[in-house]
């Protein structure tokens, strides 16, 4: 149950009574017919679009000034019918209330890759994970070896989406690769959990070991007073030591977390922490407590992101083999490398454990010139089912069902052909999320894509409406359906 003060600010999800009634009366509303399962096909030509019959493109908005084709598109958050899409150079605000005709309503030029975004009420949190001369949006790149280099979280007031205002910044060790919004229990403050990791030994304030996260407290009514309040160490034993995988690729040691996904209503958080997958208790927001840790030293190279199912009894962890820059959707890597790992949460209370069930990887082979690996996605809100939409870089967008944890299967896909047939050129979809009946994809090169899914298995999700949505801050999507 959300606290009364939070209901006005956090994600609101509902299925209208009329929609529920319609779903129960086939004579009033007819769901789309069954569509054949997708299957592997020949690799499409450069920029050629291929897709299953049940998933189609309805809009694309390319990058435009002040951003260019070199402004790498990154993560997405949603509020009030708008999609806010990060780029390494800042962020775009799109009005997507008419998904067939998305419109840019504002652009903020604020370099500082990778500029991942999250939202709470009228506040936007922007991750800076590259060394800058200062914390302003006019900063320039600065050698990381200099002690005065700045990295961390920037905070914007987006009460006027047409004119976001920069209100505060908080520096954090190792910067902020990603960030996760976690509300406190009285609605007065928002905590920003900052994920970062030690990529090199020459960073003055980021020397390995870096086995912690940074927690920033943001007063909702006075965000200018945001401050770093805790840096809990999550891996006092150092975490996974790393090593070589059987195919010669490198397994990452744990020197921080890449992504944290919170389930505030359950006081749970899942951490994808480089060499470890972790389940946390966050009943004390400033002291995350490890409930269960798992490693996969045969198939996983880099634990990248995590997604709970709606009943909070499963977690999907992704493995970003090759860091997103390799062609890993190839026959030689098989179906378990650069894939998702599906884990069930067993036990109760402090005895909860993560138990492995299966892997999922897109069944369509890609070319040697396409970076392809499991990346960001979200649940599609279907009562009683576990269905997810997910980005796979140049492997495109995949919709897959893991209701049966041991037998996940793809039910829809959409992808472009390679950017080049001559050499590996990085690109493809960074994040693909379901929001208010449609799939929104942030393509690294091509801009914002909007896709429409028409499938009887996901039909009820078309009636779910959300005010705000952050993929890394999950809420129960079907009130009353457990």
Protein backbone atom coordinates (compact mmCIF):
# COMPACT_ATOMS: atom_id res chain seq x y z
CA UNK A 1 0.00 0.00 0.00
CA UNK A 2 1.39 3.41 -0.97
CA UNK A 3 1.48 6.05 1.70
CA UNK A 4 -1.13 8.82 1.07
CA UNK A 5 1.54 11.43 0.39
CA UNK A 6 3.09 9.29 -2.33
CA UNK A 7 -0.02 8.59 -4.35
CA UNK A 8 0.00 12.04 -5.89
CA UNK A 9 3.60 11.82 -7.07
CA UNK A 10 4.40 8.26 -7.99
CA UNK A 11 3.34 5.96 -10.77
CA UNK A 12 -0.42 5.55 -10.96
CA UNK A 13 -1.59 2.45 -12.77
CA UNK A 14 -5.15 1.42 -13.28
CA UNK A 15 -7.41 -0.65 -15.45
CA UNK A 16 -10.72 1.11 -15.87
CA UNK A 17 -13.90 -0.66 -14.84
CA UNK A 18 -15.22 -0.29 -18.36
CA UNK A 19 -12.14 -1.93 -19.79
CA UNK A 20 -12.34 -4.82 -17.35
CA UNK A 21 -16.01 -5.30 -18.18
CA UNK A 22 -15.20 -5.25 -21.87
CA UNK A 23 -12.53 -7.88 -21.44
CA UNK A 24 -15.07 -10.11 -19.74
CA UNK A 25 -17.63 -9.72 -22.49
CA UNK A 26 -16.35 -11.02 -25.80
CA UNK A 27 -19.41 -9.71 -27.60
CA UNK A 28 -18.50 -6.14 -26.56
CA UNK A 29 -14.82 -6.17 -27.49
CA UNK A 30 -12.97 -8.65 -29.67
CA UNK A 31 -9.27 -9.29 -29.04
CA UNK A 32 -6.91 -9.62 -32.02
CA UNK A 33 -6.63 -13.04 -33.56
CA UNK A 34 -3.82 -15.46 -32.77
CA UNK A 35 -0.69 -14.60 -34.73
CA UNK A 36 1.91 -17.14 -35.75
CA UNK A 37 5.05 -17.35 -33.63
CA UNK A 38 8.05 -15.44 -35.03
CA UNK A 39 10.97 -17.46 -36.33
CA UNK A 40 14.57 -16.89 -37.35
CA UNK A 41 14.93 -15.38 -40.80
CA UNK A 42 17.75 -14.40 -43.07
CA UNK A 43 19.63 -11.29 -41.96
CA UNK A 44 18.00 -8.19 -43.46
CA UNK A 45 19.86 -5.65 -45.59
CA UNK A 46 21.32 -2.42 -44.31
CA UNK A 47 18.59 -0.41 -42.56
CA UNK A 48 15.92 -2.83 -43.84
CA UNK A 49 13.11 -3.28 -41.30
CA UNK A 50 11.80 -6.78 -40.57
CA UNK A 51 9.23 -7.75 -37.98
CA UNK A 52 6.72 -10.33 -36.88
CA UNK A 53 3.14 -9.73 -38.11
CA UNK A 54 1.98 -8.64 -34.65
CA UNK A 55 4.51 -5.82 -34.10
CA UNK A 56 4.83 -2.79 -36.36
CA UNK A 57 6.39 0.67 -36.42
CA UNK A 58 4.01 3.63 -36.23
CA UNK A 59 6.46 6.53 -35.76
CA UNK A 60 10.11 7.55 -35.77
CA UNK A 61 11.64 10.86 -34.71
CA UNK A 62 15.31 11.23 -35.70
CA UNK A 63 17.80 13.16 -33.59
CA UNK A 64 17.70 16.87 -34.40
CA UNK A 65 19.42 20.11 -33.41
CA UNK A 66 21.09 20.79 -31.07
CA UNK A 67 21.63 17.02 -31.11
CA UNK A 68 23.00 15.22 -34.16
CA UNK A 69 23.32 11.70 -35.46
CA UNK A 70 26.38 11.42 -33.20
CA UNK A 71 24.32 12.17 -30.07
CA UNK A 72 23.99 8.65 -28.73
CA UNK A 73 20.45 7.93 -27.54
CA UNK A 74 20.22 6.28 -24.11
CA UNK A 75 17.52 5.60 -21.51
CA UNK A 76 13.86 6.72 -21.27
CA UNK A 77 11.54 7.78 -18.44
CA UNK A 78 7.90 8.84 -18.77
CA UNK A 79 5.64 11.43 -17.16
CA UNK A 80 2.25 12.98 -17.98
CA UNK A 81 2.11 11.43 -21.44
CA UNK A 82 5.65 12.55 -22.25
CA UNK A 83 8.80 10.52 -22.91
CA UNK A 84 12.09 11.96 -21.71
CA UNK A 85 14.96 10.41 -23.64
CA UNK A 86 18.56 10.81 -22.58
CA UNK A 87 21.48 11.27 -24.95
CA UNK A 88 25.17 11.65 -24.22
CA UNK A 89 24.68 15.36 -24.95
CA UNK A 90 21.57 16.03 -22.83
CA UNK A 91 17.93 14.98 -23.10
CA UNK A 92 14.83 15.38 -25.28
CA UNK A 93 11.26 15.79 -24.03
CA UNK A 94 8.66 14.26 -26.37
CA UNK A 95 4.91 14.65 -26.18
CA UNK A 96 3.70 11.09 -26.91
CA UNK A 97 0.03 11.44 -26.03
CA UNK A 98 -0.57 10.81 -29.71
CA UNK A 99 1.92 7.97 -30.23
CA UNK A 100 1.47 8.15 -33.99
CA UNK A 101 2.83 11.70 -33.99
CA UNK A 102 5.39 12.27 -31.22
CA UNK A 103 6.45 15.90 -30.90
CA UNK A 104 9.56 17.40 -29.35
CA UNK A 105 8.50 19.98 -26.78
CA UNK A 106 11.95 20.81 -25.39
CA UNK A 107 15.61 19.87 -25.62
CA UNK A 108 18.25 20.36 -22.94
CA UNK A 109 21.87 20.50 -24.07
CA UNK A 110 23.88 19.23 -21.11
CA UNK A 111 26.80 16.97 -22.14
CA UNK A 112 27.92 14.33 -19.69
CA UNK A 113 27.32 10.77 -20.89
CA UNK A 114 25.50 8.68 -20.47
CA UNK A 115 22.73 10.87 -19.13
CA UNK A 116 20.42 8.11 -17.95
CA UNK A 117 17.19 9.57 -16.58
CA UNK A 118 14.65 8.91 -13.85
CA UNK A 119 11.67 10.96 -12.67
CA UNK A 120 9.83 11.60 -9.42
CA UNK A 121 6.94 14.05 -9.57
CA UNK A 122 8.32 17.27 -11.04
CA UNK A 123 11.96 16.25 -10.59
CA UNK A 124 14.27 14.71 -13.17
CA UNK A 125 17.52 13.01 -12.19
CA UNK A 126 20.28 12.88 -14.80
CA UNK A 127 23.37 10.65 -14.52
CA UNK A 128 26.79 12.06 -15.46
CA UNK A 129 29.40 9.37 -15.94
CA UNK A 130 32.15 11.19 -17.81
CA UNK A 131 34.74 13.52 -16.39
CA UNK A 132 33.66 17.15 -16.73
CA UNK A 133 35.32 20.45 -15.91
CA UNK A 134 32.44 21.33 -13.54
CA UNK A 135 28.81 20.46 -12.79
CA UNK A 136 27.25 22.96 -15.22
CA UNK A 137 25.65 22.20 -18.57
CA UNK A 138 28.42 24.31 -20.15
CA UNK A 139 31.15 22.02 -18.86
CA UNK A 140 33.79 20.51 -21.11
CA UNK A 141 35.45 17.14 -21.03
CA UNK A 142 38.36 16.92 -18.61
CA UNK A 143 40.97 14.20 -18.05
CA UNK A 144 39.72 11.81 -15.40
CA UNK A 145 43.15 11.87 -13.74
CA UNK A 146 42.60 15.45 -12.57
CA UNK A 147 41.24 15.71 -9.05
CA UNK A 148 38.96 18.60 -9.95
CA UNK A 149 37.06 16.57 -12.55
CA UNK A 150 33.32 16.34 -11.78
CA UNK A 151 30.86 13.43 -12.13
CA UNK A 152 27.57 12.70 -10.41
CA UNK A 153 23.82 13.50 -10.46
CA UNK A 154 22.15 16.61 -11.87
CA UNK A 155 18.61 17.52 -10.83
CA UNK A 156 16.08 19.37 -12.98
CA UNK A 157 12.66 20.83 -12.21
CA UNK A 158 10.35 19.63 -15.00
CA UNK A 159 7.09 21.10 -13.74
CA UNK A 160 7.11 22.93 -17.07
CA UNK A 161 8.09 20.26 -19.56
CA UNK A 162 8.62 22.89 -22.23
CA UNK A 163 11.30 24.59 -20.11
CA UNK A 164 13.14 22.30 -17.66
CA UNK A 165 15.17 24.14 -15.00
CA UNK A 166 18.50 22.95 -13.58
CA UNK A 167 18.25 23.18 -9.77
CA UNK A 168 21.02 21.12 -8.15
CA UNK A 169 23.95 18.76 -8.57
CA UNK A 170 25.58 16.23 -6.27
CA UNK A 171 29.03 14.74 -6.92
CA UNK A 172 29.53 11.02 -6.31
CA UNK A 173 32.56 8.75 -6.36
CA UNK A 174 32.98 7.17 -9.79
CA UNK A 175 30.17 9.35 -11.11
CA UNK A 176 26.73 7.97 -11.94
CA UNK A 177 26.45 5.37 -14.66
CA UNK A 178 22.77 4.80 -13.91
CA UNK A 179 20.39 5.95 -11.19
CA UNK A 180 17.31 4.57 -9.46
CA UNK A 181 14.59 6.65 -7.80
CA UNK A 182 13.41 5.24 -4.46
CA UNK A 183 10.84 7.21 -2.40
CA UNK A 184 10.94 7.33 1.36
CA UNK A 185 7.90 6.11 3.25
CA UNK A 186 6.46 9.49 4.23
CA UNK A 187 6.62 11.18 0.83
CA UNK A 188 8.81 14.04 2.03
CA UNK A 189 12.02 12.89 0.38
CA UNK A 190 13.19 10.95 -2.62
CA UNK A 191 16.34 8.88 -2.53
CA UNK A 192 18.46 8.49 -5.64
CA UNK A 193 20.48 5.28 -5.60
CA UNK A 194 23.54 5.92 -7.74
CA UNK A 195 25.11 2.97 -9.53
CA UNK A 196 28.72 3.34 -10.57
CA UNK A 197 31.75 1.17 -10.85
CA UNK A 198 35.51 1.51 -11.01
CA UNK A 199 36.48 1.23 -14.66
CA UNK A 200 40.15 2.11 -14.21
CA UNK A 201 42.76 2.54 -11.51
CA UNK A 202 43.78 6.06 -12.57
CA UNK A 203 40.66 7.85 -11.31
CA UNK A 204 41.62 9.74 -8.15
CA UNK A 205 38.24 9.34 -6.42
CA UNK A 206 37.42 5.97 -7.95
CA UNK A 207 40.15 3.60 -6.89
CA UNK A 208 39.22 -0.08 -6.75
CA UNK A 209 37.85 -1.64 -4.68
CA UNK A 210 34.60 0.24 -5.22
CA UNK A 211 32.07 -2.07 -3.58
CA UNK A 212 29.45 0.49 -2.66
CA UNK A 213 26.59 2.58 -3.98
CA UNK A 214 25.93 6.26 -3.32
CA UNK A 215 22.57 7.39 -1.91
CA UNK A 216 21.40 10.98 -2.43
CA UNK A 217 18.57 12.44 -0.35
CA UNK A 218 16.39 14.93 -2.24
CA UNK A 219 13.79 16.94 -0.26
CA UNK A 220 10.72 17.03 -2.51
CA UNK A 221 9.83 20.62 -1.56
CA UNK A 222 13.41 21.91 -1.66
CA UNK A 223 15.45 19.86 -4.16
CA UNK A 224 18.27 22.42 -4.08
CA UNK A 225 19.20 20.90 -0.71
CA UNK A 226 19.91 17.49 -2.25
CA UNK A 227 22.92 15.87 -0.60
CA UNK A 228 24.88 12.65 -0.44
CA UNK A 229 23.76 10.91 2.76
CA UNK A 230 25.06 7.33 2.58
CA UNK A 231 27.58 5.14 0.78
CA UNK A 232 26.78 1.60 1.94
CA UNK A 233 29.29 -1.12 1.11
CA UNK A 234 27.42 -3.98 -0.53
CA UNK A 235 30.27 -6.42 -1.02
CA UNK A 236 32.53 -6.47 2.03
CA UNK A 237 34.09 -9.69 0.68
CA UNK A 238 34.93 -7.98 -2.61
CA UNK A 239 32.29 -9.72 -4.72
CA UNK A 240 33.05 -11.80 -7.80
CA UNK A 241 36.78 -11.84 -8.54
CA UNK A 242 36.18 -12.13 -12.28
CA UNK A 243 38.08 -14.31 -14.70
CA UNK A 244 37.99 -15.92 -18.12
CA UNK A 245 34.87 -17.47 -19.59
CA UNK A 246 35.11 -20.75 -21.51
CA UNK A 247 34.95 -18.97 -24.90
CA UNK A 248 37.83 -16.65 -24.04
CA UNK A 249 35.75 -13.58 -23.16
CA UNK A 250 36.40 -11.91 -19.85
CA UNK A 251 34.08 -12.22 -16.82
CA UNK A 252 33.91 -8.92 -15.00
CA UNK A 253 34.98 -8.60 -11.37
CA UNK A 254 32.50 -6.85 -9.07
CA UNK A 255 33.60 -3.26 -8.41
CA UNK A 256 30.16 -1.73 -7.99
CA UNK A 257 26.69 -2.14 -9.52
CA UNK A 258 25.58 -1.35 -13.05
CA UNK A 259 21.84 -1.20 -12.42
CA UNK A 260 19.56 -1.33 -9.41
CA UNK A 261 15.82 -1.95 -9.76
CA UNK A 262 13.63 -1.15 -6.77
CA UNK A 263 10.22 -2.50 -5.85
CA UNK A 264 9.38 0.03 -3.11
CA UNK A 265 6.01 -1.43 -2.13
CA UNK A 266 7.73 -4.73 -1.28
CA UNK A 267 10.88 -3.12 0.17
CA UNK A 268 12.89 -5.11 -2.35
CA UNK A 269 15.63 -4.24 -4.80
CA UNK A 270 17.44 -6.34 -7.40
CA UNK A 271 21.02 -5.47 -8.24
CA UNK A 272 22.89 -6.31 -11.42
CA UNK A 273 26.38 -5.84 -10.07
CA UNK A 274 28.93 -6.74 -12.73
CA UNK A 275 29.87 -10.20 -11.45
CA UNK A 276 26.97 -10.73 -9.06
CA UNK A 277 23.18 -10.81 -9.12
CA UNK A 278 21.75 -9.59 -5.81
CA UNK A 279 18.42 -9.41 -3.99
CA UNK A 280 18.25 -6.66 -1.34
CA UNK A 281 15.92 -5.71 1.48
CA UNK A 282 15.48 -1.90 1.42
CA UNK A 283 13.05 -1.50 4.30
CA UNK A 284 15.72 0.84 5.68
CA UNK A 285 16.28 3.02 2.63
CA UNK A 286 19.76 4.07 3.73
CA UNK A 287 20.94 0.57 4.59
CA UNK A 288 20.24 -1.91 1.78
CA UNK A 289 20.67 -5.42 3.15
CA UNK A 290 21.72 -8.38 1.02
CA UNK A 291 19.22 -11.25 1.11
CA UNK A 292 20.67 -13.41 -1.65
CA UNK A 293 23.62 -13.32 -4.04
CA UNK A 294 24.16 -15.45 -7.13
CA UNK A 295 26.95 -15.81 -9.68
CA UNK A 296 27.12 -17.48 -13.07
CA UNK A 297 30.76 -18.12 -13.86
CA UNK A 298 30.04 -20.22 -16.93
CA UNK A 299 27.73 -18.07 -19.05
CA UNK A 300 27.49 -14.54 -17.62
CA UNK A 301 30.17 -11.95 -18.32
CA UNK A 302 28.60 -8.72 -16.99
CA UNK A 303 25.43 -8.57 -14.87
CA UNK A 304 23.84 -5.48 -16.42
CA UNK A 305 20.19 -4.93 -15.42
CA UNK A 306 17.31 -6.49 -13.51
CA UNK A 307 13.51 -6.65 -13.82
CA UNK A 308 11.01 -8.07 -11.33
CA UNK A 309 7.86 -9.78 -12.49
CA UNK A 310 4.58 -8.39 -11.22
CA UNK A 311 4.19 -10.89 -8.38
CA UNK A 312 7.73 -10.18 -7.12
CA UNK A 313 8.64 -13.86 -7.23
CA UNK A 314 10.96 -13.68 -10.25
CA UNK A 315 13.86 -11.54 -11.41
CA UNK A 316 15.20 -11.33 -14.95
CA UNK A 317 18.90 -10.45 -15.02
CA UNK A 318 20.62 -9.48 -18.27
CA UNK A 319 24.16 -10.30 -19.30
CA UNK A 320 25.79 -7.56 -21.38
CA UNK A 321 28.53 -9.75 -22.85
CA UNK A 322 31.05 -7.52 -24.59
CA UNK A 323 29.76 -4.33 -22.99
CA UNK A 324 27.22 -3.71 -25.75
CA UNK A 325 29.85 -3.28 -28.42
CA UNK A 326 30.25 -6.86 -29.63
CA UNK A 327 28.42 -9.03 -32.11
CA UNK A 328 27.26 -11.78 -29.74
CA UNK A 329 24.03 -12.93 -31.43
CA UNK A 330 26.06 -15.38 -33.44
CA UNK A 331 25.97 -19.16 -33.65
CA UNK A 332 29.35 -19.50 -31.92
CA UNK A 333 28.01 -17.86 -28.73
CA UNK A 334 24.97 -20.12 -28.56
CA UNK A 335 21.74 -19.43 -26.70
CA UNK A 336 23.15 -18.86 -23.22
CA UNK A 337 25.81 -16.17 -23.74
CA UNK A 338 24.77 -12.50 -23.82
CA UNK A 339 21.33 -13.66 -22.70
CA UNK A 340 18.84 -13.15 -19.87
CA UNK A 341 18.94 -15.30 -16.78
CA UNK A 342 15.53 -16.03 -15.21
CA UNK A 343 15.60 -16.50 -11.45
CA UNK A 344 12.76 -17.32 -9.08
CA UNK A 345 12.61 -15.91 -5.56
CA UNK A 346 11.98 -18.73 -3.13
CA UNK A 347 11.52 -18.74 0.63
CA UNK A 348 10.19 -15.98 2.87
CA UNK A 349 11.54 -13.06 4.83
CA UNK A 350 15.28 -13.17 5.41
CA UNK A 351 15.37 -16.69 3.95
CA UNK A 352 14.46 -15.55 0.43
CA UNK A 353 16.82 -16.88 -2.23
CA UNK A 354 17.41 -16.41 -5.95
CA UNK A 355 17.21 -19.73 -7.79
CA UNK A 356 18.12 -20.09 -11.46
CA UNK A 357 15.50 -21.47 -13.85
CA UNK A 358 16.55 -20.81 -17.47
CA UNK A 359 18.09 -18.50 -20.07
CA UNK A 360 16.40 -16.48 -22.78
CA UNK A 361 18.10 -15.13 -25.89
CA UNK A 362 16.53 -13.91 -29.10
CA UNK A 363 16.25 -16.83 -31.54
CA UNK A 364 17.27 -14.76 -34.58
CA UNK A 365 20.94 -14.77 -35.54
CA UNK A 366 22.52 -11.42 -36.39
CA UNK A 367 25.51 -10.54 -38.53
CA UNK A 368 29.17 -10.08 -37.56
CA UNK A 369 28.72 -6.33 -38.10
CA UNK A 370 25.87 -5.90 -35.57
CA UNK A 371 26.40 -5.28 -31.87
CA UNK A 372 23.75 -7.43 -30.25
CA UNK A 373 23.24 -8.50 -26.64
CA UNK A 374 20.55 -8.40 -23.94
CA UNK A 375 19.79 -4.83 -22.81
CA UNK A 376 17.06 -2.68 -21.21
CA UNK A 377 13.39 -3.64 -21.12
CA UNK A 378 10.23 -3.66 -19.01
CA UNK A 379 7.17 -5.71 -18.19
CA UNK A 380 4.07 -5.54 -20.35
CA UNK A 381 1.17 -5.32 -17.85
CA UNK A 382 -0.83 -8.46 -18.59
CA UNK A 383 -2.76 -9.95 -15.63
CA UNK A 384 -1.52 -13.39 -14.65
CA UNK A 385 1.30 -13.40 -17.21
CA UNK A 386 5.00 -12.53 -17.20
CA UNK A 387 5.65 -10.84 -20.54
CA UNK A 388 8.50 -8.45 -21.23
CA UNK A 389 9.59 -6.13 -24.03
CA UNK A 390 13.35 -5.71 -24.37
CA UNK A 391 16.07 -4.03 -26.39
CA UNK A 392 18.84 -6.05 -28.00
CA UNK A 393 20.82 -3.23 -29.66
CA UNK A 394 20.97 -4.14 -33.38
CA UNK A 395 19.13 -7.35 -32.54
CA UNK A 396 16.10 -5.05 -32.30
CA UNK A 397 13.09 -5.24 -29.99
CA UNK A 398 11.90 -8.57 -28.63
CA UNK A 399 8.63 -9.34 -26.84
CA UNK A 400 8.91 -12.55 -24.86
CA UNK A 401 6.90 -14.58 -22.36
CA UNK A 402 8.52 -16.07 -19.24
CA UNK A 403 5.34 -17.11 -17.41
CA UNK A 404 6.81 -20.60 -17.50
CA UNK A 405 10.21 -19.80 -16.02
CA UNK A 406 11.76 -22.91 -17.52
CA UNK A 407 10.46 -22.33 -21.05
CA UNK A 408 10.61 -18.66 -22.08
CA UNK A 409 9.62 -17.90 -25.67
CA UNK A 410 9.59 -14.96 -28.05
CA UNK A 411 6.13 -13.86 -29.23
CA UNK A 412 7.01 -10.77 -31.30
CA UNK A 413 9.99 -8.92 -32.72
CA UNK A 414 10.98 -5.82 -34.71
CA UNK A 415 14.43 -4.91 -35.97
CA UNK A 416 16.43 -2.97 -38.50
CA UNK A 417 19.16 -4.51 -40.58
CA UNK A 418 22.81 -3.70 -39.83
CA UNK A 419 24.11 -0.16 -40.10
CA UNK A 420 26.93 -1.54 -42.24
CA UNK A 421 27.76 -4.76 -44.04
CA UNK A 422 31.45 -3.90 -44.16
CA UNK A 423 32.41 -3.34 -40.52
CA UNK A 424 30.90 -3.40 -37.05
CA UNK A 425 29.20 -0.04 -36.39
CA UNK A 426 27.60 0.43 -32.97
CA UNK A 427 23.89 1.19 -32.92
CA UNK A 428 20.46 -0.29 -32.36
CA UNK A 429 17.89 0.06 -29.61
CA UNK A 430 19.19 0.99 -26.14
CA UNK A 431 15.92 0.80 -24.21
CA UNK A 432 12.47 -0.51 -25.14
CA UNK A 433 9.62 0.08 -22.68
CA UNK A 434 5.86 -0.34 -22.59
CA UNK A 435 3.96 2.84 -21.76
CA UNK A 436 0.22 3.43 -22.04
CA UNK A 437 -0.44 0.85 -24.72
CA UNK A 438 2.64 1.25 -26.94
CA UNK A 439 6.33 0.35 -27.05
CA UNK A 440 8.83 3.21 -27.06
CA UNK A 441 12.38 2.49 -28.16
CA UNK A 442 15.42 4.76 -27.89
CA UNK A 443 17.68 3.95 -30.80
CA UNK A 444 21.33 4.91 -30.39
CA UNK A 445 21.51 6.31 -33.93
CA UNK A 446 17.98 6.51 -35.33
CA UNK A 447 16.21 8.42 -32.54
CA UNK A 448 12.84 7.58 -30.98
CA UNK A 449 10.80 4.69 -32.39
CA UNK A 450 7.19 3.94 -31.46
CA UNK A 451 5.88 0.42 -32.03
CA UNK A 452 2.38 -1.01 -31.82
CA UNK A 453 1.84 -4.57 -30.58
CA UNK A 454 -1.37 -6.35 -31.61
CA UNK A 455 -1.53 -9.76 -30.00
CA UNK A 456 -4.28 -11.46 -28.01
CA UNK A 457 -1.76 -12.46 -25.33
CA UNK A 458 -0.98 -8.82 -24.49
CA UNK A 459 -4.37 -7.30 -25.33
CA UNK A 460 -5.37 -6.42 -21.71
CA UNK A 461 -2.25 -4.24 -21.37
CA UNK A 462 -3.70 -1.74 -23.82
CA UNK A 463 -6.08 -0.55 -21.08
CA UNK A 464 -3.42 0.09 -18.43
CA UNK A 465 -2.59 3.77 -17.94
CA UNK A 466 0.37 5.15 -16.04
CA UNK A 467 1.16 8.73 -15.13
CA UNK A 468 4.87 8.25 -14.47
CA UNK A 469 7.08 5.32 -15.35
CA UNK A 470 10.70 4.53 -14.53
CA UNK A 471 11.87 1.08 -15.55
CA UNK A 472 14.15 0.88 -12.49
CA UNK A 473 11.37 1.79 -10.02
CA UNK A 474 8.68 -0.82 -10.37
CA UNK A 475 5.17 -0.80 -8.93
CA UNK A 476 2.46 -3.42 -8.99
CA UNK A 477 0.83 -3.14 -12.38
CA UNK A 478 -2.53 -4.82 -11.72
CA UNK A 479 -4.15 -3.68 -8.48
CA UNK A 480 -6.12 -6.50 -6.87
CA UNK A 481 -4.62 -9.20 -9.09
CA UNK A 482 -2.00 -11.22 -7.19
